[in-house]
Amino acid sequence: MADEKSRAGRNFYGDADILTYLEETHLGKPAPFDDVFRSAGDNEIPTIMVGKSEGKFVGMLLKLAGAKKVVEVGTLAGYSACWIASHLPEDGHLYTFENDPHHAQVATANLKQANLWHKVTILVGPALNNLPSIEEHGPFDAVFLDADKENYHRYTEWAVSHTKTGGLLLGDNSFLFGELVSRQVEAAVNMRKFHELASRYYDCANIPTPDGLLLGVKRSPM
């Protein structure tokens, strides 16, 4: 029993052999969208997108929820957008926001190459400024956040007003690179605001991916 407890308390996520085996078993080799994953580094885009298993996990969650209209904040090279769009029905649509025009250009090419462009609209510029432009298409089934961490709480304020009851809120990097509760810098303070705001309006759990993934299901209005 003691040995079982000690094993349960260990973190095996950093074991490269385990990760490689699981990715190859459950995603295949090559995995879907591997070329998109590589394209970030090839195009001098920061390689800070979700991991391969996390990308598929987000897509599967959306499919399980029956999501058709999804919002993503933070496109980068389009890797997570590919996973999301591939799990939407043919009449589904993803609205994804990217501040950097170069990133958006690479993502557009990747989505076209993956034959998913017909399901996606990329809006270029600050998301806080551009989110109102899609409100006529709401309410939305899910919002996925993977952009500037200091504004997660502001994106969530928007999501609360524009996602349906039962809709999903997903927030990557919810551990804030291990600094969620240890620092008082703006990003940490605002990420805590994000968690607290999300828990007020959504039934939440935090998935222990390498840097955390918040999952929330929007409650019925009081």
C-alpha atoms as a PDB file:
ATOM      1  CA  MET A   1       0.000   0.000   0.000  1.00  0.00           C
ATOM      2  CA  ALA A   2       2.798   2.430   0.854  1.00  0.00           C
ATOM      3  CA  ASP A   3       4.405   1.784  -2.533  1.00  0.00           C
ATOM      4  CA  GLU A   4       1.077   2.478  -4.301  1.00  0.00           C
ATOM      5  CA  LYS A   5       0.735   5.762  -2.449  1.00  0.00           C
ATOM      6  CA  SER A   6       4.247   6.848  -3.334  1.00  0.00           C
ATOM      7  CA  ARG A   7       3.667   6.013  -6.995  1.00  0.00           C
ATOM      8  CA  ALA A   8       0.367   7.894  -7.009  1.00  0.00           C
ATOM      9  CA  GLY A   9       2.128  10.981  -5.720  1.00  0.00           C
ATOM     10  CA  ARG A  10       4.774  10.991  -8.439  1.00  0.00           C
ATOM     11  CA  ASN A  11       4.598  12.998 -11.644  1.00  0.00           C
ATOM     12  CA  PHE A  12       5.374  10.821 -14.656  1.00  0.00           C
ATOM     13  CA  TYR A  13       4.614  13.499 -17.226  1.00  0.00           C
ATOM     14  CA  GLY A  14       8.261  14.312 -17.777  1.00  0.00           C
ATOM     15  CA  ASP A  15       9.120  10.745 -18.825  1.00  0.00           C
ATOM     16  CA  ALA A  16       9.959  11.151 -22.520  1.00  0.00           C
ATOM     17  CA  ASP A  17       9.689   7.418 -23.246  1.00  0.00           C
ATOM     18  CA  ILE A  18       6.180   7.249 -21.796  1.00  0.00           C
ATOM     19  CA  LEU A  19       5.071  10.353 -23.702  1.00  0.00           C
ATOM     20  CA  THR A  20       6.517   9.101 -26.985  1.00  0.00           C
ATOM     21  CA  TYR A  21       4.869   5.701 -26.589  1.00  0.00           C
ATOM     22  CA  LEU A  22       1.461   7.219 -25.763  1.00  0.00           C
ATOM     23  CA  GLU A  23       1.582   9.780 -28.560  1.00  0.00           C
ATOM     24  CA  GLU A  24       2.527   7.162 -31.130  1.00  0.00           C
ATOM     25  CA  THR A  25      -0.124   4.738 -29.831  1.00  0.00           C
ATOM     26  CA  HIS A  26      -3.016   7.188 -29.610  1.00  0.00           C
ATOM     27  CA  LEU A  27      -2.144   9.768 -32.268  1.00  0.00           C
ATOM     28  CA  GLY A  28      -0.180   7.646 -34.729  1.00  0.00           C
ATOM     29  CA  LYS A  29       3.144   8.264 -36.412  1.00  0.00           C
ATOM     30  CA  PRO A  30       3.195  10.770 -37.953  1.00  0.00           C
ATOM     31  CA  ALA A  31       0.554  12.353 -35.770  1.00  0.00           C
ATOM     32  CA  PRO A  32      -2.160  14.513 -37.337  1.00  0.00           C
ATOM     33  CA  PHE A  33      -0.998  18.063 -38.052  1.00  0.00           C
ATOM     34  CA  ASP A  34       2.664  17.291 -37.341  1.00  0.00           C
ATOM     35  CA  ASP A  35       3.559  19.566 -40.259  1.00  0.00           C
ATOM     36  CA  VAL A  36       1.584  22.394 -38.645  1.00  0.00           C
ATOM     37  CA  PHE A  37       3.332  21.747 -35.333  1.00  0.00           C
ATOM     38  CA  ARG A  38       6.730  22.021 -37.030  1.00  0.00           C
ATOM     39  CA  SER A  39       5.759  25.063 -39.071  1.00  0.00           C
ATOM     40  CA  ALA A  40       5.876  27.356 -36.036  1.00  0.00           C
ATOM     41  CA  GLY A  41       9.601  26.979 -35.555  1.00  0.00           C
ATOM     42  CA  ASP A  42      10.183  26.931 -39.323  1.00  0.00           C
ATOM     43  CA  ASN A  43       8.517  30.355 -39.578  1.00  0.00           C
ATOM     44  CA  GLU A  44      10.119  31.949 -36.504  1.00  0.00           C
ATOM     45  CA  ILE A  45       6.889  31.708 -34.504  1.00  0.00           C
ATOM     46  CA  PRO A  46       7.250  30.883 -30.781  1.00  0.00           C
ATOM     47  CA  THR A  47       6.672  27.161 -30.236  1.00  0.00           C
ATOM     48  CA  ILE A  48       4.318  27.713 -27.318  1.00  0.00           C
ATOM     49  CA  MET A  49       1.190  26.040 -28.695  1.00  0.00           C
ATOM     50  CA  VAL A  50      -0.560  23.183 -26.913  1.00  0.00           C
ATOM     51  CA  GLY A  51       1.136  19.805 -26.948  1.00  0.00           C
ATOM     52  CA  LYS A  52       0.064  17.108 -29.364  1.00  0.00           C
ATOM     53  CA  SER A  53      -2.019  15.130 -26.871  1.00  0.00           C
ATOM     54  CA  GLU A  54      -3.538  18.336 -25.466  1.00  0.00           C
ATOM     55  CA  GLY A  55      -4.531  19.460 -28.958  1.00  0.00           C
ATOM     56  CA  LYS A  56      -6.401  16.235 -29.577  1.00  0.00           C
ATOM     57  CA  PHE A  57      -7.899  16.367 -26.075  1.00  0.00           C
ATOM     58  CA  VAL A  58      -9.359  19.835 -26.700  1.00  0.00           C
ATOM     59  CA  GLY A  59     -10.824  18.678 -29.996  1.00  0.00           C
ATOM     60  CA  MET A  60     -12.355  15.593 -28.392  1.00  0.00           C
ATOM     61  CA  LEU A  61     -13.916  17.658 -25.603  1.00  0.00           C
ATOM     62  CA  LEU A  62     -15.574  19.907 -28.159  1.00  0.00           C
ATOM     63  CA  LYS A  63     -16.861  16.931 -30.114  1.00  0.00           C
ATOM     64  CA  LEU A  64     -18.246  15.308 -26.956  1.00  0.00           C
ATOM     65  CA  ALA A  65     -19.995  18.594 -26.130  1.00  0.00           C
ATOM     66  CA  GLY A  66     -21.524  18.761 -29.616  1.00  0.00           C
ATOM     67  CA  ALA A  67     -19.900  22.152 -30.189  1.00  0.00           C
ATOM     68  CA  LYS A  68     -20.560  23.859 -33.528  1.00  0.00           C
ATOM     69  CA  LYS A  69     -19.604  27.504 -32.913  1.00  0.00           C
ATOM     70  CA  VAL A  70     -16.268  27.944 -31.156  1.00  0.00           C
ATOM     71  CA  VAL A  71     -14.073  30.931 -30.301  1.00  0.00           C
ATOM     72  CA  GLU A  72     -10.303  30.661 -29.888  1.00  0.00           C
ATOM     73  CA  VAL A  73      -8.107  33.459 -28.565  1.00  0.00           C
ATOM     74  CA  GLY A  74      -4.505  32.881 -29.687  1.00  0.00           C
ATOM     75  CA  THR A  75      -3.977  31.287 -33.106  1.00  0.00           C
ATOM     76  CA  LEU A  76      -0.177  31.203 -33.517  1.00  0.00           C
ATOM     77  CA  ALA A  77       0.548  28.854 -36.455  1.00  0.00           C
ATOM     78  CA  GLY A  78      -2.917  27.310 -36.323  1.00  0.00           C
ATOM     79  CA  TYR A  79      -2.055  24.037 -34.588  1.00  0.00           C
ATOM     80  CA  SER A  80      -4.845  24.084 -31.999  1.00  0.00           C
ATOM     81  CA  ALA A  81      -7.165  25.584 -34.619  1.00  0.00           C
ATOM     82  CA  CYS A  82      -6.583  22.515 -36.784  1.00  0.00           C
ATOM     83  CA  TRP A  83      -7.480  20.181 -33.931  1.00  0.00           C
ATOM     84  CA  ILE A  84     -10.576  22.223 -33.090  1.00  0.00           C
ATOM     85  CA  ALA A  85     -11.823  22.567 -36.670  1.00  0.00           C
ATOM     86  CA  SER A  86     -11.216  18.890 -37.405  1.00  0.00           C
ATOM     87  CA  HIS A  87     -13.586  17.939 -34.570  1.00  0.00           C
ATOM     88  CA  LEU A  88     -16.362  20.321 -35.623  1.00  0.00           C
ATOM     89  CA  PRO A  89     -19.192  19.152 -37.884  1.00  0.00           C
ATOM     90  CA  GLU A  90     -19.183  20.315 -41.496  1.00  0.00           C
ATOM     91  CA  ASP A  91     -21.558  23.161 -40.629  1.00  0.00           C
ATOM     92  CA  GLY A  92     -19.479  24.151 -37.587  1.00  0.00           C
ATOM     93  CA  HIS A  93     -17.220  27.184 -37.434  1.00  0.00           C
ATOM     94  CA  LEU A  94     -14.206  28.413 -35.481  1.00  0.00           C
ATOM     95  CA  TYR A  95     -13.518  32.121 -34.971  1.00  0.00           C
ATOM     96  CA  THR A  96      -9.885  32.461 -33.961  1.00  0.00           C
ATOM     97  CA  PHE A  97      -8.109  35.664 -32.924  1.00  0.00           C
ATOM     98  CA  GLU A  98      -4.439  36.418 -33.589  1.00  0.00           C
ATOM     99  CA  ASN A  99      -2.668  39.674 -32.843  1.00  0.00           C
ATOM    100  CA  ASP A 100       0.339  39.103 -35.117  1.00  0.00           C
ATOM    101  CA  PRO A 101      -0.283  39.344 -38.909  1.00  0.00           C
ATOM    102  CA  HIS A 102       2.660  37.034 -39.693  1.00  0.00           C
ATOM    103  CA  HIS A 103       1.303  34.343 -37.381  1.00  0.00           C
ATOM    104  CA  ALA A 104      -2.130  34.712 -38.969  1.00  0.00           C
ATOM    105  CA  GLN A 105      -0.638  34.358 -42.462  1.00  0.00           C
ATOM    106  CA  VAL A 106       1.139  31.120 -41.536  1.00  0.00           C
ATOM    107  CA  ALA A 107      -1.982  29.789 -39.802  1.00  0.00           C
ATOM    108  CA  THR A 108      -4.097  30.546 -42.869  1.00  0.00           C
ATOM    109  CA  ALA A 109      -1.726  28.571 -45.089  1.00  0.00           C
ATOM    110  CA  ASN A 110      -1.699  25.666 -42.625  1.00  0.00           C
ATOM    111  CA  LEU A 111      -5.474  25.522 -42.362  1.00  0.00           C
ATOM    112  CA  LYS A 112      -5.814  25.584 -46.145  1.00  0.00           C
ATOM    113  CA  GLN A 113      -3.236  22.803 -46.486  1.00  0.00           C
ATOM    114  CA  ALA A 114      -5.207  20.763 -43.929  1.00  0.00           C
ATOM    115  CA  ASN A 115      -8.452  21.325 -45.886  1.00  0.00           C
ATOM    116  CA  LEU A 116     -10.034  22.992 -42.850  1.00  0.00           C
ATOM    117  CA  TRP A 117     -10.093  26.612 -43.986  1.00  0.00           C
ATOM    118  CA  HIS A 118     -13.796  26.483 -44.861  1.00  0.00           C
ATOM    119  CA  LYS A 119     -14.566  26.045 -41.154  1.00  0.00           C
ATOM    120  CA  VAL A 120     -12.348  28.852 -39.856  1.00  0.00           C
ATOM    121  CA  THR A 121     -12.245  32.640 -39.722  1.00  0.00           C
ATOM    122  CA  ILE A 122      -9.049  34.319 -38.474  1.00  0.00           C
ATOM    123  CA  LEU A 123      -9.467  37.835 -37.098  1.00  0.00           C
ATOM    124  CA  VAL A 124      -6.215  39.786 -36.945  1.00  0.00           C
ATOM    125  CA  GLY A 125      -5.513  42.356 -34.248  1.00  0.00           C
ATOM    126  CA  PRO A 126      -6.073  42.676 -30.489  1.00  0.00           C
ATOM    127  CA  ALA A 127      -8.742  40.192 -29.475  1.00  0.00           C
ATOM    128  CA  LEU A 128     -10.284  42.529 -26.908  1.00  0.00           C
ATOM    129  CA  ASN A 129     -10.971  44.988 -29.725  1.00  0.00           C
ATOM    130  CA  ASN A 130     -12.175  42.381 -32.225  1.00  0.00           C
ATOM    131  CA  LEU A 131     -14.333  40.071 -30.113  1.00  0.00           C
ATOM    132  CA  PRO A 132     -17.399  42.355 -30.425  1.00  0.00           C
ATOM    133  CA  SER A 133     -17.310  41.881 -34.209  1.00  0.00           C
ATOM    134  CA  ILE A 134     -18.483  38.255 -33.926  1.00  0.00           C
ATOM    135  CA  GLU A 135     -21.156  38.693 -31.279  1.00  0.00           C
ATOM    136  CA  GLU A 136     -23.917  38.541 -33.896  1.00  0.00           C
ATOM    137  CA  HIS A 137     -22.943  34.897 -34.484  1.00  0.00           C
ATOM    138  CA  GLY A 138     -23.426  33.920 -30.832  1.00  0.00           C
ATOM    139  CA  PRO A 139     -24.185  32.501 -28.437  1.00  0.00           C
ATOM    140  CA  PHE A 140     -21.140  30.265 -28.775  1.00  0.00           C
ATOM    141  CA  ASP A 141     -20.696  26.679 -27.663  1.00  0.00           C
ATOM    142  CA  ALA A 142     -17.137  27.037 -26.403  1.00  0.00           C
ATOM    143  CA  VAL A 143     -14.306  29.504 -25.865  1.00  0.00           C
ATOM    144  CA  PHE A 144     -10.666  28.359 -25.810  1.00  0.00           C
ATOM    145  CA  LEU A 145      -8.052  30.723 -24.363  1.00  0.00           C
ATOM    146  CA  ASP A 146      -4.367  30.368 -25.206  1.00  0.00           C
ATOM    147  CA  ALA A 147      -3.059  33.911 -25.625  1.00  0.00           C
ATOM    148  CA  ASP A 148      -1.787  36.742 -23.392  1.00  0.00           C
ATOM    149  CA  LYS A 149      -2.266  35.424 -19.886  1.00  0.00           C
ATOM    150  CA  GLU A 150      -2.754  38.814 -18.228  1.00  0.00           C
ATOM    151  CA  ASN A 151      -6.028  39.252 -20.134  1.00  0.00           C
ATOM    152  CA  TYR A 152      -7.609  35.849 -19.494  1.00  0.00           C
ATOM    153  CA  HIS A 153     -10.022  37.374 -17.001  1.00  0.00           C
ATOM    154  CA  ARG A 154     -11.136  39.954 -19.576  1.00  0.00           C
ATOM    155  CA  TYR A 155     -11.672  37.294 -22.220  1.00  0.00           C
ATOM    156  CA  THR A 156     -13.680  35.353 -19.658  1.00  0.00           C
ATOM    157  CA  GLU A 157     -15.878  38.373 -18.946  1.00  0.00           C
ATOM    158  CA  TRP A 158     -16.709  38.350 -22.653  1.00  0.00           C
ATOM    159  CA  ALA A 159     -17.249  34.585 -22.670  1.00  0.00           C
ATOM    160  CA  VAL A 160     -19.699  34.748 -19.769  1.00  0.00           C
ATOM    161  CA  SER A 161     -21.931  37.026 -21.822  1.00  0.00           C
ATOM    162  CA  HIS A 162     -21.593  35.199 -25.133  1.00  0.00           C
ATOM    163  CA  THR A 163     -21.507  31.466 -24.447  1.00  0.00           C
ATOM    164  CA  LYS A 164     -24.629  29.395 -24.027  1.00  0.00           C
ATOM    165  CA  THR A 165     -25.661  27.673 -20.814  1.00  0.00           C
ATOM    166  CA  GLY A 166     -23.761  24.395 -20.802  1.00  0.00           C
ATOM    167  CA  GLY A 167     -21.075  25.883 -23.050  1.00  0.00           C
ATOM    168  CA  LEU A 168     -17.405  25.273 -22.388  1.00  0.00           C
ATOM    169  CA  LEU A 169     -14.599  27.533 -21.228  1.00  0.00           C
ATOM    170  CA  LEU A 170     -11.086  26.177 -21.771  1.00  0.00           C
ATOM    171  CA  GLY A 171      -7.986  28.005 -20.575  1.00  0.00           C
ATOM    172  CA  ASP A 172      -4.472  26.722 -21.302  1.00  0.00           C
ATOM    173  CA  ASN A 173      -1.487  27.567 -19.055  1.00  0.00           C
ATOM    174  CA  SER A 174      -3.747  27.787 -16.032  1.00  0.00           C
ATOM    175  CA  PHE A 175      -0.750  27.100 -13.744  1.00  0.00           C
ATOM    176  CA  LEU A 176       0.946  30.180 -15.257  1.00  0.00           C
ATOM    177  CA  PHE A 177       4.233  28.331 -15.735  1.00  0.00           C
ATOM    178  CA  GLY A 178       4.280  27.384 -12.063  1.00  0.00           C
ATOM    179  CA  GLU A 179       3.860  30.965 -10.857  1.00  0.00           C
ATOM    180  CA  LEU A 180       0.091  31.129 -10.321  1.00  0.00           C
ATOM    181  CA  VAL A 181       0.196  31.591  -6.552  1.00  0.00           C
ATOM    182  CA  SER A 182       3.866  32.343  -5.899  1.00  0.00           C
ATOM    183  CA  ARG A 183       4.111  35.804  -7.443  1.00  0.00           C
ATOM    184  CA  GLN A 184       2.313  39.152  -7.263  1.00  0.00           C
ATOM    185  CA  VAL A 185       3.169  40.351 -10.779  1.00  0.00           C
ATOM    186  CA  GLU A 186       0.297  41.478 -12.994  1.00  0.00           C
ATOM    187  CA  ALA A 187       0.106  38.247 -14.969  1.00  0.00           C
ATOM    188  CA  ALA A 188      -0.209  36.135 -11.808  1.00  0.00           C
ATOM    189  CA  VAL A 189      -2.733  38.469 -10.163  1.00  0.00           C
ATOM    190  CA  ASN A 190      -4.858  38.525 -13.307  1.00  0.00           C
ATOM    191  CA  MET A 191      -4.622  34.762 -13.822  1.00  0.00           C
ATOM    192  CA  ARG A 192      -5.996  34.297 -10.330  1.00  0.00           C
ATOM    193  CA  LYS A 193      -8.809  36.688 -11.293  1.00  0.00           C
ATOM    194  CA  PHE A 194      -9.460  34.410 -14.264  1.00  0.00           C
ATOM    195  CA  HIS A 195      -9.780  31.327 -12.043  1.00  0.00           C
ATOM    196  CA  GLU A 196     -12.040  33.125  -9.579  1.00  0.00           C
ATOM    197  CA  LEU A 197     -14.270  34.615 -12.280  1.00  0.00           C
ATOM    198  CA  ALA A 198     -14.515  31.302 -14.098  1.00  0.00           C
ATOM    199  CA  SER A 199     -15.535  29.473 -10.915  1.00  0.00           C
ATOM    200  CA  ARG A 200     -18.280  32.043 -10.344  1.00  0.00           C
ATOM    201  CA  TYR A 201     -20.052  31.329 -13.632  1.00  0.00           C
ATOM    202  CA  TYR A 202     -18.794  27.895 -14.666  1.00  0.00           C
ATOM    203  CA  ASP A 203     -18.581  24.489 -13.018  1.00  0.00           C
ATOM    204  CA  CYS A 204     -14.792  24.129 -13.225  1.00  0.00           C
ATOM    205  CA  ALA A 205     -12.030  21.588 -12.925  1.00  0.00           C
ATOM    206  CA  ASN A 206      -8.342  22.001 -13.624  1.00  0.00           C
ATOM    207  CA  ILE A 207      -6.744  19.276 -15.738  1.00  0.00           C
ATOM    208  CA  PRO A 208      -3.103  18.694 -14.702  1.00  0.00           C
ATOM    209  CA  THR A 209      -1.474  18.956 -18.100  1.00  0.00           C
ATOM    210  CA  PRO A 210       2.150  20.223 -18.014  1.00  0.00           C
ATOM    211  CA  ASP A 211       1.009  23.806 -17.382  1.00  0.00           C
ATOM    212  CA  GLY A 212      -2.630  23.207 -16.514  1.00  0.00           C
ATOM    213  CA  LEU A 213      -5.844  23.341 -18.542  1.00  0.00           C
ATOM    214  CA  LEU A 214      -8.964  24.830 -16.978  1.00  0.00           C
ATOM    215  CA  LEU A 215     -12.255  23.272 -18.085  1.00  0.00           C
ATOM    216  CA  GLY A 216     -15.503  25.016 -17.220  1.00  0.00           C
ATOM    217  CA  VAL A 217     -19.149  24.267 -18.045  1.00  0.00           C
ATOM    218  CA  LYS A 218     -21.362  27.348 -17.905  1.00  0.00           C
ATOM    219  CA  ARG A 219     -24.037  27.239 -15.248  1.00  0.00           C
ATOM    220  CA  SER A 220     -27.642  28.289 -15.757  1.00  0.00           C
ATOM    221  CA  PRO A 221     -28.297  31.938 -14.832  1.00  0.00           C
ATOM    222  CA  MET A 222     -29.305  32.401 -11.196  1.00  0.00           C
END
